[in-house]
């Protein structure tokens, strides 16, 4: 149902702003968007091809061109373990309210985990809103801090993390005994 792609941050900015920082104006940068190494993920309807604008205005995305869910990932040590410089910080996970509870967020999170596994695994952590704790817990994250306000205006957050094992490489097999 969902196709997840790695995209430019500009593709996800409107969704992240509307869900996470609606008080920011369009000319105010989203926190973290100055990180060029960030990997941005976006979920789109699986049956929609990128650029297939349908009845939308030329050059302007229609609803199917807009991501249903998104987040970005950067290498960053968690605040409680500054020595873990290889950790991955999951940031600004946001799902369009019209697409919640339809699997778009799960598809994005699964893609993040696959990306980390392919990169050798490690810790993935987030600074989650308390209302999202159940979502992350259902996907292997554990709470590692108490509730604390964050943002402007302050919103209750917690720190959560999970360990991702490295992806297993498929053995090529012995060329003498392989049945090619």
Foldseek 3Di string as FASTA:
>chain_A
DKDKDFDQVVLQVVQLCVFPPVVDDPVDDDPPNVPPVKTKMFIFPPVDDAPCQDPDDVPDHDPRNHGQWMWIKDQADDPVCRPPSREIEIGSTGGDPVCPPVCRSVVHVVVVLLVLQQVAWFKYKYFAFPVCPVVVVVVAKDFDADWDFDDVVTGTTTMIMHTRGHDDDDDPDDVVPDDD
